[in-house]
């Protein structure tokens, strides 16, 4: 059962990363805003999970980060990079292909 939970967590994390890139291509994003948005999609994420994910995506060159003070608090804003856009485009193609194969195939 632990292997199933680990695999499901890995898949959810991949979806979360795609959500982050998707929203970052539309506008700059920040941690708490992403947590709220991801919650709308059924993901219950703690800052302890999200912020390391954002940091890894930044280190991988998918996001850039800018710190600003908002209401006397430091807030990190993230924007997608060209590499992030390229990855998002590639994943969109793969998701469409997978959707067509798994979901549309079962609808026939």
C-alpha atoms as a PDB file:
ATOM      1  CA  UNK A   1       0.000   0.000   0.000  1.00  0.00           C
ATOM      2  CA  UNK A   2       2.907   2.398   0.657  1.00  0.00           C
ATOM      3  CA  UNK A   3       4.057   2.032  -2.953  1.00  0.00           C
ATOM      4  CA  UNK A   4       0.561   3.018  -4.138  1.00  0.00           C
ATOM      5  CA  UNK A   5       0.552   6.085  -1.852  1.00  0.00           C
ATOM      6  CA  UNK A   6       4.012   7.112  -3.028  1.00  0.00           C
ATOM      7  CA  UNK A   7       3.032   6.731  -6.679  1.00  0.00           C
ATOM      8  CA  UNK A   8      -0.190   8.700  -6.172  1.00  0.00           C
ATOM      9  CA  UNK A   9       1.738  11.454  -4.379  1.00  0.00           C
ATOM     10  CA  UNK A  10       4.217  11.638  -7.285  1.00  0.00           C
ATOM     11  CA  UNK A  11       1.370  11.908  -9.801  1.00  0.00           C
ATOM     12  CA  UNK A  12      -0.398  14.585  -7.749  1.00  0.00           C
ATOM     13  CA  UNK A  13       2.843  16.538  -7.444  1.00  0.00           C
ATOM     14  CA  UNK A  14       3.275  16.418 -11.226  1.00  0.00           C
ATOM     15  CA  UNK A  15      -0.268  17.768 -11.679  1.00  0.00           C
ATOM     16  CA  UNK A  16       0.413  20.470  -9.095  1.00  0.00           C
ATOM     17  CA  UNK A  17       3.530  21.541 -10.998  1.00  0.00           C
ATOM     18  CA  UNK A  18       1.521  21.760 -14.206  1.00  0.00           C
ATOM     19  CA  UNK A  19      -1.112  23.888 -12.428  1.00  0.00           C
ATOM     20  CA  UNK A  20       1.670  26.178 -11.184  1.00  0.00           C
ATOM     21  CA  UNK A  21       3.111  26.592 -14.684  1.00  0.00           C
ATOM     22  CA  UNK A  22      -0.349  27.108 -16.162  1.00  0.00           C
ATOM     23  CA  UNK A  23      -1.215  29.882 -13.714  1.00  0.00           C
ATOM     24  CA  UNK A  24       2.278  31.417 -13.930  1.00  0.00           C
ATOM     25  CA  UNK A  25       1.933  31.773 -17.695  1.00  0.00           C
ATOM     26  CA  UNK A  26      -1.267  33.805 -17.191  1.00  0.00           C
ATOM     27  CA  UNK A  27       0.064  36.076 -14.413  1.00  0.00           C
ATOM     28  CA  UNK A  28       2.643  36.211 -11.666  1.00  0.00           C
ATOM     29  CA  UNK A  29       1.751  33.902  -8.778  1.00  0.00           C
ATOM     30  CA  UNK A  30       2.578  33.703  -5.073  1.00  0.00           C
ATOM     31  CA  UNK A  31       2.453  30.925  -2.487  1.00  0.00           C
ATOM     32  CA  UNK A  32      -0.746  31.564  -0.561  1.00  0.00           C
ATOM     33  CA  UNK A  33      -2.599  32.423  -3.772  1.00  0.00           C
ATOM     34  CA  UNK A  34      -1.463  29.124  -5.280  1.00  0.00           C
ATOM     35  CA  UNK A  35      -2.490  27.183  -2.178  1.00  0.00           C
ATOM     36  CA  UNK A  36      -5.995  28.664  -2.476  1.00  0.00           C
ATOM     37  CA  UNK A  37      -6.177  28.015  -6.219  1.00  0.00           C
ATOM     38  CA  UNK A  38      -4.957  24.433  -5.877  1.00  0.00           C
ATOM     39  CA  UNK A  39      -7.474  23.839  -3.099  1.00  0.00           C
ATOM     40  CA  UNK A  40     -10.203  24.724  -5.617  1.00  0.00           C
ATOM     41  CA  UNK A  41      -8.933  21.795  -7.666  1.00  0.00           C
ATOM     42  CA  UNK A  42      -8.995  19.403  -4.733  1.00  0.00           C
ATOM     43  CA  UNK A  43      -5.331  19.590  -3.695  1.00  0.00           C
ATOM     44  CA  UNK A  44      -4.730  20.176   0.000  1.00  0.00           C
ATOM     45  CA  UNK A  45      -1.237  21.639   0.092  1.00  0.00           C
ATOM     46  CA  UNK A  46       0.731  22.985   3.020  1.00  0.00           C
ATOM     47  CA  UNK A  47       3.327  25.740   2.665  1.00  0.00           C
ATOM     48  CA  UNK A  48       5.875  23.069   3.667  1.00  0.00           C
ATOM     49  CA  UNK A  49       5.104  21.222   0.438  1.00  0.00           C
ATOM     50  CA  UNK A  50       4.467  24.150  -1.897  1.00  0.00           C
ATOM     51  CA  UNK A  51       7.470  26.361  -1.164  1.00  0.00           C
ATOM     52  CA  UNK A  52      10.097  23.635  -1.692  1.00  0.00           C
ATOM     53  CA  UNK A  53       8.303  22.738  -4.944  1.00  0.00           C
ATOM     54  CA  UNK A  54       8.454  26.365  -6.098  1.00  0.00           C
ATOM     55  CA  UNK A  55      12.137  26.558  -5.115  1.00  0.00           C
ATOM     56  CA  UNK A  56      12.936  23.405  -7.116  1.00  0.00           C
ATOM     57  CA  UNK A  57      11.043  24.749 -10.113  1.00  0.00           C
ATOM     58  CA  UNK A  58      13.027  27.985  -9.825  1.00  0.00           C
ATOM     59  CA  UNK A  59      16.332  26.095  -9.571  1.00  0.00           C
ATOM     60  CA  UNK A  60      15.314  24.077 -12.637  1.00  0.00           C
ATOM     61  CA  UNK A  61      14.863  27.303 -14.585  1.00  0.00           C
ATOM     62  CA  UNK A  62      11.083  26.953 -14.975  1.00  0.00           C
ATOM     63  CA  UNK A  63      10.207  29.966 -12.808  1.00  0.00           C
ATOM     64  CA  UNK A  64      11.799  33.239 -11.795  1.00  0.00           C
ATOM     65  CA  UNK A  65      11.214  34.784  -8.389  1.00  0.00           C
ATOM     66  CA  UNK A  66      10.964  38.382  -7.222  1.00  0.00           C
ATOM     67  CA  UNK A  67      10.592  39.382  -3.558  1.00  0.00           C
ATOM     68  CA  UNK A  68       8.341  42.306  -2.676  1.00  0.00           C
ATOM     69  CA  UNK A  69       6.942  43.753   0.520  1.00  0.00           C
ATOM     70  CA  UNK A  70       3.153  43.571   0.680  1.00  0.00           C
ATOM     71  CA  UNK A  71       1.334  44.846   3.779  1.00  0.00           C
ATOM     72  CA  UNK A  72       4.640  44.842   5.703  1.00  0.00           C
ATOM     73  CA  UNK A  73       5.365  41.197   4.784  1.00  0.00           C
ATOM     74  CA  UNK A  74       7.844  39.737   2.340  1.00  0.00           C
ATOM     75  CA  UNK A  75       6.124  37.933  -0.505  1.00  0.00           C
ATOM     76  CA  UNK A  76       7.756  35.994  -3.331  1.00  0.00           C
ATOM     77  CA  UNK A  77       6.179  36.377  -6.745  1.00  0.00           C
ATOM     78  CA  UNK A  78       6.892  33.794  -9.416  1.00  0.00           C
ATOM     79  CA  UNK A  79       6.789  34.127 -13.202  1.00  0.00           C
ATOM     80  CA  UNK A  80       7.182  31.445 -15.796  1.00  0.00           C
ATOM     81  CA  UNK A  81      10.377  31.393 -17.899  1.00  0.00           C
ATOM     82  CA  UNK A  82      10.715  30.487 -21.563  1.00  0.00           C
ATOM     83  CA  UNK A  83      11.864  27.014 -20.474  1.00  0.00           C
ATOM     84  CA  UNK A  84       8.745  26.750 -18.292  1.00  0.00           C
ATOM     85  CA  UNK A  85       6.539  27.743 -21.222  1.00  0.00           C
ATOM     86  CA  UNK A  86       8.222  25.159 -23.446  1.00  0.00           C
ATOM     87  CA  UNK A  87       7.717  22.458 -20.827  1.00  0.00           C
ATOM     88  CA  UNK A  88       4.084  23.448 -20.336  1.00  0.00           C
ATOM     89  CA  UNK A  89       3.463  23.260 -24.097  1.00  0.00           C
ATOM     90  CA  UNK A  90       5.060  19.822 -24.269  1.00  0.00           C
ATOM     91  CA  UNK A  91       3.057  18.536 -21.308  1.00  0.00           C
ATOM     92  CA  UNK A  92      -0.191  19.938 -22.761  1.00  0.00           C
ATOM     93  CA  UNK A  93       0.382  17.820 -25.873  1.00  0.00           C
ATOM     94  CA  UNK A  94       1.076  14.722 -23.769  1.00  0.00           C
ATOM     95  CA  UNK A  95      -1.964  15.370 -21.556  1.00  0.00           C
ATOM     96  CA  UNK A  96      -4.228  15.741 -24.589  1.00  0.00           C
ATOM     97  CA  UNK A  97      -2.877  12.505 -26.058  1.00  0.00           C
ATOM     98  CA  UNK A  98      -3.385  10.695 -22.731  1.00  0.00           C
ATOM     99  CA  UNK A  99      -6.876  12.171 -22.307  1.00  0.00           C
ATOM    100  CA  UNK A 100      -7.854  11.089 -25.819  1.00  0.00           C
ATOM    101  CA  UNK A 101      -6.571   7.579 -25.170  1.00  0.00           C
ATOM    102  CA  UNK A 102      -7.913   7.020 -21.662  1.00  0.00           C
ATOM    103  CA  UNK A 103     -11.076   9.127 -21.396  1.00  0.00           C
ATOM    104  CA  UNK A 104     -12.352   9.422 -24.961  1.00  0.00           C
ATOM    105  CA  UNK A 105     -11.592   5.766 -25.651  1.00  0.00           C
ATOM    106  CA  UNK A 106     -13.754   4.760 -22.669  1.00  0.00           C
ATOM    107  CA  UNK A 107     -16.587   7.026 -23.849  1.00  0.00           C
ATOM    108  CA  UNK A 108     -17.027   5.016 -27.056  1.00  0.00           C
END
